């Protein structure tokens, strides 16, 4: 799956900030552009991991695939 990310260089430090506009709060950074891109990939994977939930008695959890 492809995600758009935005990269910005910090003019003072030279580090890179990166975030994914479609995933609110999904941000990362790196000392280089390449490192920032690798770090945002990991951040997106973690963002999309399902959290465990407690179900009410009789409730059923299912997974669906969205393409």
Protein backbone atom coordinates (compact mmCIF):
# COMPACT_ATOMS: atom_id res chain seq x y z
CA UNK A 1 0.00 0.00 0.00
CA UNK A 2 1.30 3.46 -0.84
CA UNK A 3 1.12 6.45 1.51
CA UNK A 4 1.97 10.07 0.80
CA UNK A 5 4.49 11.58 3.19
CA UNK A 6 5.74 15.13 3.62
CA UNK A 7 9.44 15.79 4.30
CA UNK A 8 10.83 19.06 5.66
CA UNK A 9 14.44 19.90 6.36
CA UNK A 10 15.37 21.81 9.51
CA UNK A 11 17.64 24.59 8.27
CA UNK A 12 19.45 24.84 11.63
CA UNK A 13 20.17 21.17 12.30
CA UNK A 14 19.91 19.66 8.82
CA UNK A 15 17.63 16.92 10.21
CA UNK A 16 14.47 15.88 8.40
CA UNK A 17 10.92 15.83 9.78
CA UNK A 18 8.39 13.59 8.03
CA UNK A 19 4.68 12.91 8.46
CA UNK A 20 1.81 11.16 6.72
CA UNK A 21 -1.15 13.53 6.13
CA UNK A 22 -3.68 10.68 5.86
CA UNK A 23 -2.73 9.31 9.30
CA UNK A 24 -3.17 12.04 11.92
CA UNK A 25 -0.32 12.08 14.41
CA UNK A 26 1.86 9.70 12.39
CA UNK A 27 5.21 11.49 12.36
CA UNK A 28 8.90 10.71 12.48
CA UNK A 29 12.30 12.22 11.76
CA UNK A 30 15.83 11.38 10.75
CA UNK A 31 19.28 12.86 10.34
CA UNK A 32 19.07 12.23 6.58
CA UNK A 33 16.19 12.15 4.12
CA UNK A 34 16.72 8.40 3.66
CA UNK A 35 16.69 7.76 7.42
CA UNK A 36 13.52 9.83 7.81
CA UNK A 37 11.81 7.81 5.07
CA UNK A 38 12.80 4.51 6.71
CA UNK A 39 11.58 5.79 10.08
CA UNK A 40 8.19 6.90 8.72
CA UNK A 41 7.70 3.45 7.18
CA UNK A 42 8.08 1.93 10.64
CA UNK A 43 5.82 4.62 12.15
CA UNK A 44 3.10 3.85 9.58
CA UNK A 45 3.33 0.11 10.30
CA UNK A 46 2.98 0.74 14.03
CA UNK A 47 0.13 3.23 13.47
CA UNK A 48 -1.82 0.65 11.47
CA UNK A 49 -1.35 -2.25 13.90
CA UNK A 50 -4.67 -3.17 15.47
CA UNK A 51 -4.91 -2.69 19.21
CA UNK A 52 -6.33 -5.46 21.35
CA UNK A 53 -9.88 -4.78 22.47
CA UNK A 54 -12.21 -6.24 25.05
CA UNK A 55 -15.44 -7.50 23.56
CA UNK A 56 -18.81 -7.45 25.23
CA UNK A 57 -20.29 -10.91 25.90
CA UNK A 58 -21.65 -12.31 22.65
CA UNK A 59 -19.76 -9.85 20.43
CA UNK A 60 -17.70 -11.24 17.56
CA UNK A 61 -14.52 -9.70 16.10
CA UNK A 62 -13.81 -10.14 12.39
CA UNK A 63 -11.24 -8.73 9.96
CA UNK A 64 -12.05 -7.32 6.54
CA UNK A 65 -9.75 -6.50 3.64
CA UNK A 66 -10.10 -3.09 2.00
CA UNK A 67 -8.33 -2.51 -1.28
